[in-house]
Amino acid sequence: MSAAYDTIDAGGPANLDPALHPELYDNVRTRRILAFFVDAVIMFALMTLAFVVITFLGLFTLGLGFILYAIVWPVVPILYNMFTLGGPSSATVGMRMAGVEMRTWDGGRMYSLLAAVHAALYWFSVTILTPFILLVSLFSAKKRMLHDMAIGTVVVRSDMV
C-alpha cells in the first residue's frame, strides 16, 4: 500500500480521480457483484429471522403483530446497510469480503444517514427502473451506478486506500 493512499480522506476528490489513480477502480464492478451476493444471503437470513420473530409476535398478540410483515422487506436491507455501510469501515460485510469500500465524492467515509439513503435509492431504483440501471456502471470511469451518482458516492478497492 502506497503512502499516497493513506491520506485519501485528506486528499479530496483528486485522490479519487480515475485518470490519476486507475488502480483504485480495478475490478470494482466484479467485486461489487460478489459483495451483493454475499450481502443478499446475509439479508435473507436476517429477514428469515425477522419473519420468525414476527410470527411469534403475531401469535402472541392474536394477529396484531402480523402487520409487521409489510415492513420487513424495506426495513431490513436499509437497516443492514445503515449499520454496516455507515460504520467505521464504510463497507458492508460482503464489501469487506470482496475488498471494496464506499467513499463520498470527496474521499470521506460514509455515515449512517447517507448509507440509509444509498440503500433506499438502490432498492427503489432497481424495483422501479429494473436492473438495467446497473448498466450505467459500464459507461462510468469510476464504475459508479446511477444511485451512486445521485448521492455522490464512489466505491474503491479497500487495499488501495
Protein backbone atom coordinates (compact mmCIF):
# COMPACT_ATOMS: atom_id res chain seq x y z
CA MET A 1 0.00 0.00 0.00
CA SER A 2 1.38 3.35 -1.01
CA ALA A 3 1.69 6.28 1.37
CA ALA A 4 -0.29 8.39 -1.12
CA TYR A 5 -3.39 6.36 -0.33
CA ASP A 6 -3.03 6.52 3.44
CA THR A 7 -4.40 10.06 3.43
CA ILE A 8 -7.24 9.66 0.93
CA ASP A 9 -9.60 11.37 3.37
CA ALA A 10 -7.42 14.48 3.41
CA GLY A 11 -6.65 14.47 -0.31
CA GLY A 12 -10.12 15.29 -1.54
CA PRO A 13 -11.56 14.41 -4.94
CA ALA A 14 -8.15 14.44 -6.66
CA ASN A 15 -7.19 11.26 -4.81
CA LEU A 16 -10.26 9.51 -6.28
CA ASP A 17 -9.67 10.63 -9.87
CA PRO A 18 -9.63 7.55 -12.14
CA ALA A 19 -7.19 9.29 -14.51
CA LEU A 20 -4.66 9.79 -11.71
CA HIS A 21 -5.29 6.55 -9.80
CA PRO A 22 -6.89 3.93 -12.07
CA GLU A 23 -5.78 1.15 -9.70
CA LEU A 24 -8.45 2.29 -7.20
CA TYR A 25 -11.10 1.04 -9.64
CA ASP A 26 -9.53 -2.22 -10.88
CA ASN A 27 -12.16 -4.99 -10.77
CA VAL A 28 -14.50 -2.84 -8.64
CA ARG A 29 -17.58 -3.81 -10.67
CA THR A 30 -16.86 -7.53 -10.31
CA ARG A 31 -16.10 -7.14 -6.61
CA ARG A 32 -19.37 -5.24 -6.11
CA ILE A 33 -21.33 -8.04 -7.74
CA LEU A 34 -19.67 -10.59 -5.46
CA ALA A 35 -20.35 -8.35 -2.46
CA PHE A 36 -24.01 -8.02 -3.44
CA PHE A 37 -24.50 -11.80 -3.44
CA VAL A 38 -22.83 -12.19 -0.04
CA ASP A 39 -24.93 -9.34 1.37
CA ALA A 40 -28.09 -10.79 -0.20
CA VAL A 41 -27.52 -14.08 1.64
CA ILE A 42 -26.97 -12.21 4.91
CA MET A 43 -30.08 -10.06 4.40
CA PHE A 44 -32.11 -13.17 3.52
CA ALA A 45 -31.01 -14.76 6.80
CA LEU A 46 -31.89 -11.59 8.71
CA MET A 47 -35.30 -11.40 7.04
CA THR A 48 -35.96 -15.06 7.82
CA LEU A 49 -35.14 -14.37 11.45
CA ALA A 50 -37.41 -11.32 11.40
CA PHE A 51 -40.25 -13.40 9.91
CA VAL A 52 -39.88 -15.99 12.69
CA VAL A 53 -39.94 -13.28 15.36
CA ILE A 54 -42.96 -11.60 13.75
CA THR A 55 -44.77 -14.92 13.55
CA PHE A 56 -44.36 -15.50 17.28
CA LEU A 57 -45.26 -11.87 17.97
CA GLY A 58 -48.34 -12.22 15.77
CA LEU A 59 -49.47 -15.34 17.61
CA PHE A 60 -48.81 -13.71 20.97
CA THR A 61 -50.77 -10.56 20.04
CA LEU A 62 -53.65 -12.55 18.49
CA GLY A 63 -52.82 -11.43 14.95
CA LEU A 64 -51.97 -7.79 15.52
CA GLY A 65 -48.23 -8.38 15.13
CA PHE A 66 -48.70 -9.82 11.64
CA ILE A 67 -48.98 -6.24 10.36
CA LEU A 68 -45.20 -6.02 10.70
CA TYR A 69 -44.77 -8.43 7.77
CA ALA A 70 -45.42 -5.48 5.44
CA ILE A 71 -42.33 -3.58 6.59
CA VAL A 72 -39.78 -6.41 6.80
CA TRP A 73 -38.62 -6.13 3.19
CA PRO A 74 -37.82 -2.43 3.10
CA VAL A 75 -36.64 -2.09 6.71
CA VAL A 76 -34.16 -4.97 6.99
CA PRO A 77 -32.00 -4.06 3.95
CA ILE A 78 -31.98 -0.38 4.82
CA LEU A 79 -31.01 -1.04 8.45
CA TYR A 80 -28.38 -3.57 7.36
CA ASN A 81 -26.78 -1.00 5.07
CA MET A 82 -27.16 1.79 7.59
CA PHE A 83 -25.27 -0.08 10.30
CA THR A 84 -22.62 -1.74 8.11
CA LEU A 85 -22.01 0.70 5.27
CA GLY A 86 -22.39 3.63 7.65
CA GLY A 87 -19.93 2.10 10.12
CA PRO A 88 -16.23 2.78 10.56
CA SER A 89 -15.16 0.55 7.65
CA SER A 90 -17.57 2.19 5.14
CA ALA A 91 -18.40 -1.27 3.82
CA THR A 92 -20.99 -4.00 4.25
CA VAL A 93 -19.87 -7.49 5.22
CA GLY A 94 -19.90 -8.54 1.56
CA MET A 95 -17.94 -5.46 0.53
CA ARG A 96 -15.30 -6.20 3.16
CA MET A 97 -15.01 -9.78 1.90
CA ALA A 98 -14.70 -8.51 -1.70
CA GLY A 99 -12.12 -5.88 -0.76
CA VAL A 100 -14.05 -2.72 -1.61
CA GLU A 101 -15.40 0.20 0.38
CA MET A 102 -17.62 3.17 -0.32
CA ARG A 103 -16.48 6.77 -0.01
CA THR A 104 -18.14 10.12 -0.51
CA TRP A 105 -17.24 12.13 -3.62
CA ASP A 106 -14.53 13.98 -1.70
CA GLY A 107 -12.92 10.85 -0.23
CA GLY A 108 -14.62 10.91 3.15
CA ARG A 109 -16.06 7.88 4.89
CA MET A 110 -19.75 7.02 4.78
CA TYR A 111 -22.06 7.85 7.66
CA SER A 112 -25.31 6.18 8.73
CA LEU A 113 -27.80 8.58 7.17
CA LEU A 114 -26.02 8.60 3.82
CA ALA A 115 -25.81 4.78 3.91
CA ALA A 116 -29.56 4.53 4.58
CA VAL A 117 -30.34 6.93 1.72
CA HIS A 118 -27.98 4.97 -0.56
CA ALA A 119 -29.76 1.69 0.26
CA ALA A 120 -33.22 3.23 -0.19
CA LEU A 121 -32.24 4.74 -3.54
CA TYR A 122 -30.72 1.47 -4.71
CA TRP A 123 -33.75 -0.66 -3.87
CA PHE A 124 -36.19 1.97 -5.17
CA SER A 125 -34.34 2.41 -8.46
CA VAL A 126 -33.88 -1.31 -9.08
CA THR A 127 -37.52 -2.01 -8.23
CA ILE A 128 -38.99 0.79 -10.33
CA LEU A 129 -36.49 1.16 -13.17
CA THR A 130 -35.45 -2.52 -13.42
CA PRO A 131 -31.90 -3.81 -13.03
CA PHE A 132 -30.92 -2.24 -16.35
CA ILE A 133 -29.97 0.91 -14.45
CA LEU A 134 -26.94 -1.02 -13.26
CA LEU A 135 -25.60 -0.88 -16.83
CA VAL A 136 -24.71 2.76 -16.16
CA SER A 137 -21.55 1.49 -14.45
CA LEU A 138 -20.29 0.18 -17.81
CA PHE A 139 -20.03 3.75 -19.08
CA SER A 140 -18.68 5.43 -15.96
CA ALA A 141 -14.94 5.96 -15.48
CA LYS A 142 -15.35 5.40 -11.73
CA LYS A 143 -17.64 2.39 -12.35
CA ARG A 144 -20.40 4.19 -10.48
CA MET A 145 -24.05 3.18 -10.66
CA LEU A 146 -26.96 5.55 -11.01
CA HIS A 147 -27.73 5.73 -7.30
CA ASP A 148 -24.02 6.34 -6.54
CA MET A 149 -24.05 9.33 -8.88
CA ALA A 150 -27.27 10.66 -7.39
CA ILE A 151 -25.86 10.93 -3.87
CA GLY A 152 -22.19 11.47 -4.69
CA THR A 153 -20.52 8.26 -3.62
CA VAL A 154 -17.86 6.06 -5.17
CA VAL A 155 -16.68 2.52 -4.50
CA VAL A 156 -12.93 1.91 -4.42
CA ARG A 157 -10.67 -1.00 -3.59
CA SER A 158 -10.03 -1.04 0.14
CA ASP A 159 -6.50 -2.37 -0.25
CA MET A 160 -5.59 0.81 -2.15
CA VAL A 161 -6.88 3.36 0.37
